[in-house]
Amino acid sequence: MSNLAMKLEQQRQEKQQQQHMPVSEPIIIKRRASITNGEKILMILVVGLFIIAAVNIVTKSYTVYQANIEIQKTEAKIEEQTKLNSDLHVQVEELSTYDRIWEKAKELGLKLDQNNVKSVQE
């Protein structure tokens, strides 16, 4: 073989070796983004404020619920008392009729004396 043929053969073999040999790629170090202390504090503050707001809302809702229950109880008592008052008013009207008063006066031994009766002008 001639010199030129040998050179071509060597070049061909080098190319084959280069193709079979893995080329070492540069090592890429992937660095994760780390959270700084300031960011951690801010996240803790945001979560804390969220929890405080949620507890505050629940507490206020419970207070309103209790107030509504008390209002309903009071309204029921007022309604019951109003009914009782109207019943008593009707009873007073029935008991204060002239005929009934006159009957009670007779039972107690009172007599009607026209000389002692004074009329009131309205």
C-alpha atoms as a PDB file:
ATOM      1  CA  MET A   1       0.000   0.000   0.000  1.00  0.00           C
ATOM      2  CA  SER A   2       1.075   3.346  -0.743  1.00  0.00           C
ATOM      3  CA  ASN A   3       1.610   6.111   1.705  1.00  0.00           C
ATOM      4  CA  LEU A   4      -1.495   7.938   0.575  1.00  0.00           C
ATOM      5  CA  ALA A   5      -3.633   4.850   1.005  1.00  0.00           C
ATOM      6  CA  MET A   6      -2.302   4.356   4.528  1.00  0.00           C
ATOM      7  CA  LYS A   7      -3.092   7.907   5.478  1.00  0.00           C
ATOM      8  CA  LEU A   8      -6.632   7.542   4.194  1.00  0.00           C
ATOM      9  CA  GLU A   9      -7.005   4.275   6.129  1.00  0.00           C
ATOM     10  CA  GLN A  10      -5.755   5.903   9.340  1.00  0.00           C
ATOM     11  CA  GLN A  11      -8.085   8.847   8.902  1.00  0.00           C
ATOM     12  CA  ARG A  12     -11.010   6.480   8.336  1.00  0.00           C
ATOM     13  CA  GLN A  13     -10.153   4.524  11.478  1.00  0.00           C
ATOM     14  CA  GLU A  14      -9.805   7.711  13.541  1.00  0.00           C
ATOM     15  CA  LYS A  15     -13.205   8.873  12.365  1.00  0.00           C
ATOM     16  CA  GLN A  16     -14.737   5.532  13.317  1.00  0.00           C
ATOM     17  CA  GLN A  17     -13.109   5.682  16.750  1.00  0.00           C
ATOM     18  CA  GLN A  18     -14.320   9.218  17.264  1.00  0.00           C
ATOM     19  CA  GLN A  19     -17.824   8.167  16.333  1.00  0.00           C
ATOM     20  CA  HIS A  20     -17.771   5.164  18.711  1.00  0.00           C
ATOM     21  CA  MET A  21     -16.109   6.970  21.560  1.00  0.00           C
ATOM     22  CA  PRO A  22     -18.539   9.131  23.415  1.00  0.00           C
ATOM     23  CA  VAL A  23     -17.480  12.688  23.486  1.00  0.00           C
ATOM     24  CA  SER A  24     -17.477  13.933  26.995  1.00  0.00           C
ATOM     25  CA  GLU A  25     -20.029  16.669  27.171  1.00  0.00           C
ATOM     26  CA  PRO A  26     -19.456  19.516  29.494  1.00  0.00           C
ATOM     27  CA  ILE A  27     -21.006  18.829  32.866  1.00  0.00           C
ATOM     28  CA  ILE A  28     -23.950  21.110  33.468  1.00  0.00           C
ATOM     29  CA  ILE A  29     -24.748  21.489  37.116  1.00  0.00           C
ATOM     30  CA  LYS A  30     -28.358  22.339  37.538  1.00  0.00           C
ATOM     31  CA  ARG A  31     -28.768  24.476  40.566  1.00  0.00           C
ATOM     32  CA  ARG A  32     -32.145  24.626  42.200  1.00  0.00           C
ATOM     33  CA  ALA A  33     -33.399  28.012  43.137  1.00  0.00           C
ATOM     34  CA  SER A  34     -33.215  28.198  46.881  1.00  0.00           C
ATOM     35  CA  ILE A  35     -35.645  30.176  48.996  1.00  0.00           C
ATOM     36  CA  THR A  36     -34.002  32.925  50.948  1.00  0.00           C
ATOM     37  CA  ASN A  37     -34.679  33.585  54.614  1.00  0.00           C
ATOM     38  CA  GLY A  38     -36.528  36.791  53.774  1.00  0.00           C
ATOM     39  CA  GLU A  39     -38.841  34.920  51.423  1.00  0.00           C
ATOM     40  CA  LYS A  40     -39.471  32.279  54.089  1.00  0.00           C
ATOM     41  CA  ILE A  41     -40.394  34.960  56.614  1.00  0.00           C
ATOM     42  CA  LEU A  42     -42.720  36.630  54.109  1.00  0.00           C
ATOM     43  CA  MET A  43     -44.441  33.322  53.342  1.00  0.00           C
ATOM     44  CA  ILE A  44     -44.881  32.589  57.047  1.00  0.00           C
ATOM     45  CA  LEU A  45     -46.343  36.078  57.574  1.00  0.00           C
ATOM     46  CA  VAL A  46     -48.788  35.662  54.676  1.00  0.00           C
ATOM     47  CA  VAL A  47     -49.932  32.249  55.911  1.00  0.00           C
ATOM     48  CA  GLY A  48     -50.226  33.590  59.466  1.00  0.00           C
ATOM     49  CA  LEU A  49     -52.308  36.561  58.340  1.00  0.00           C
ATOM     50  CA  PHE A  50     -54.529  34.255  56.297  1.00  0.00           C
ATOM     51  CA  ILE A  51     -55.122  32.011  59.318  1.00  0.00           C
ATOM     52  CA  ILE A  52     -55.822  34.993  61.582  1.00  0.00           C
ATOM     53  CA  ALA A  53     -58.306  36.413  59.044  1.00  0.00           C
ATOM     54  CA  ALA A  54     -60.059  33.042  58.700  1.00  0.00           C
ATOM     55  CA  VAL A  55     -60.384  32.634  62.477  1.00  0.00           C
ATOM     56  CA  ASN A  56     -61.639  36.210  62.776  1.00  0.00           C
ATOM     57  CA  ILE A  57     -64.317  35.635  60.127  1.00  0.00           C
ATOM     58  CA  VAL A  58     -65.492  32.432  61.805  1.00  0.00           C
ATOM     59  CA  THR A  59     -65.604  34.138  65.215  1.00  0.00           C
ATOM     60  CA  LYS A  60     -67.618  37.088  63.881  1.00  0.00           C
ATOM     61  CA  SER A  61     -70.020  34.743  62.079  1.00  0.00           C
ATOM     62  CA  TYR A  62     -70.588  32.785  65.282  1.00  0.00           C
ATOM     63  CA  THR A  63     -71.215  36.015  67.225  1.00  0.00           C
ATOM     64  CA  VAL A  64     -73.772  37.146  64.628  1.00  0.00           C
ATOM     65  CA  TYR A  65     -75.414  33.711  64.766  1.00  0.00           C
ATOM     66  CA  GLN A  66     -75.732  33.905  68.559  1.00  0.00           C
ATOM     67  CA  ALA A  67     -77.137  37.446  68.331  1.00  0.00           C
ATOM     68  CA  ASN A  68     -79.740  36.279  65.807  1.00  0.00           C
ATOM     69  CA  ILE A  69     -80.799  33.478  68.142  1.00  0.00           C
ATOM     70  CA  GLU A  70     -81.210  35.969  71.001  1.00  0.00           C
ATOM     71  CA  ILE A  71     -83.209  38.315  68.749  1.00  0.00           C
ATOM     72  CA  GLN A  72     -85.539  35.495  67.732  1.00  0.00           C
ATOM     73  CA  LYS A  73     -86.074  34.499  71.366  1.00  0.00           C
ATOM     74  CA  THR A  74     -86.810  38.110  72.321  1.00  0.00           C
ATOM     75  CA  GLU A  75     -89.232  38.523  69.408  1.00  0.00           C
ATOM     76  CA  ALA A  76     -91.042  35.342  70.478  1.00  0.00           C
ATOM     77  CA  LYS A  77     -91.351  36.686  74.050  1.00  0.00           C
ATOM     78  CA  ILE A  78     -92.646  40.033  72.763  1.00  0.00           C
ATOM     79  CA  GLU A  79     -95.210  38.301  70.578  1.00  0.00           C
ATOM     80  CA  GLU A  80     -96.349  36.132  73.480  1.00  0.00           C
ATOM     81  CA  GLN A  81     -96.616  39.163  75.800  1.00  0.00           C
ATOM     82  CA  THR A  82     -98.536  41.136  73.166  1.00  0.00           C
ATOM     83  CA  LYS A  83    -101.026  38.306  72.817  1.00  0.00           C
ATOM     84  CA  LEU A  84    -101.390  38.097  76.595  1.00  0.00           C
ATOM     85  CA  ASN A  85    -101.915  41.881  76.797  1.00  0.00           C
ATOM     86  CA  SER A  86    -104.617  41.823  74.139  1.00  0.00           C
ATOM     87  CA  ASP A  87    -106.363  38.925  75.914  1.00  0.00           C
ATOM     88  CA  LEU A  88    -106.238  40.838  79.196  1.00  0.00           C
ATOM     89  CA  HIS A  89    -107.562  43.975  77.491  1.00  0.00           C
ATOM     90  CA  VAL A  90    -110.535  42.006  76.164  1.00  0.00           C
ATOM     91  CA  GLN A  91    -111.098  40.565  79.632  1.00  0.00           C
ATOM     92  CA  VAL A  92    -111.009  44.081  81.186  1.00  0.00           C
ATOM     93  CA  GLU A  93    -113.550  45.255  78.617  1.00  0.00           C
ATOM     94  CA  GLU A  94    -115.847  42.353  79.501  1.00  0.00           C
ATOM     95  CA  LEU A  95    -115.496  42.861  83.266  1.00  0.00           C
ATOM     96  CA  SER A  96    -115.971  46.631  83.176  1.00  0.00           C
ATOM     97  CA  THR A  97    -119.484  46.688  81.722  1.00  0.00           C
ATOM     98  CA  TYR A  98    -122.049  48.730  83.619  1.00  0.00           C
ATOM     99  CA  ASP A  99    -124.379  45.764  84.172  1.00  0.00           C
ATOM    100  CA  ARG A 100    -121.669  43.624  85.702  1.00  0.00           C
ATOM    101  CA  ILE A 101    -120.541  46.435  88.036  1.00  0.00           C
ATOM    102  CA  TRP A 102    -124.147  46.983  89.120  1.00  0.00           C
ATOM    103  CA  GLU A 103    -124.575  43.233  89.870  1.00  0.00           C
ATOM    104  CA  LYS A 104    -121.384  43.190  91.964  1.00  0.00           C
ATOM    105  CA  ALA A 105    -122.554  46.277  93.836  1.00  0.00           C
ATOM    106  CA  LYS A 106    -125.873  44.586  94.659  1.00  0.00           C
ATOM    107  CA  GLU A 107    -124.062  41.470  95.889  1.00  0.00           C
ATOM    108  CA  LEU A 108    -121.991  43.611  98.233  1.00  0.00           C
ATOM    109  CA  GLY A 109    -125.144  45.310  99.556  1.00  0.00           C
ATOM    110  CA  LEU A 110    -124.814  48.673  97.907  1.00  0.00           C
ATOM    111  CA  LYS A 111    -127.907  50.621  96.873  1.00  0.00           C
ATOM    112  CA  LEU A 112    -128.368  53.190  94.169  1.00  0.00           C
ATOM    113  CA  ASP A 113    -129.215  56.560  95.641  1.00  0.00           C
ATOM    114  CA  GLN A 114    -129.883  59.120  92.949  1.00  0.00           C
ATOM    115  CA  ASN A 115    -129.104  61.986  95.344  1.00  0.00           C
ATOM    116  CA  ASN A 116    -125.501  60.780  95.786  1.00  0.00           C
ATOM    117  CA  VAL A 117    -124.875  60.295  92.089  1.00  0.00           C
ATOM    118  CA  LYS A 118    -122.941  63.043  90.376  1.00  0.00           C
ATOM    119  CA  SER A 119    -122.759  63.218  86.658  1.00  0.00           C
ATOM    120  CA  VAL A 120    -119.575  64.250  84.962  1.00  0.00           C
ATOM    121  CA  GLN A 121    -119.664  66.387  81.866  1.00  0.00           C
ATOM    122  CA  GLU A 122    -117.126  65.586  79.229  1.00  0.00           C
END
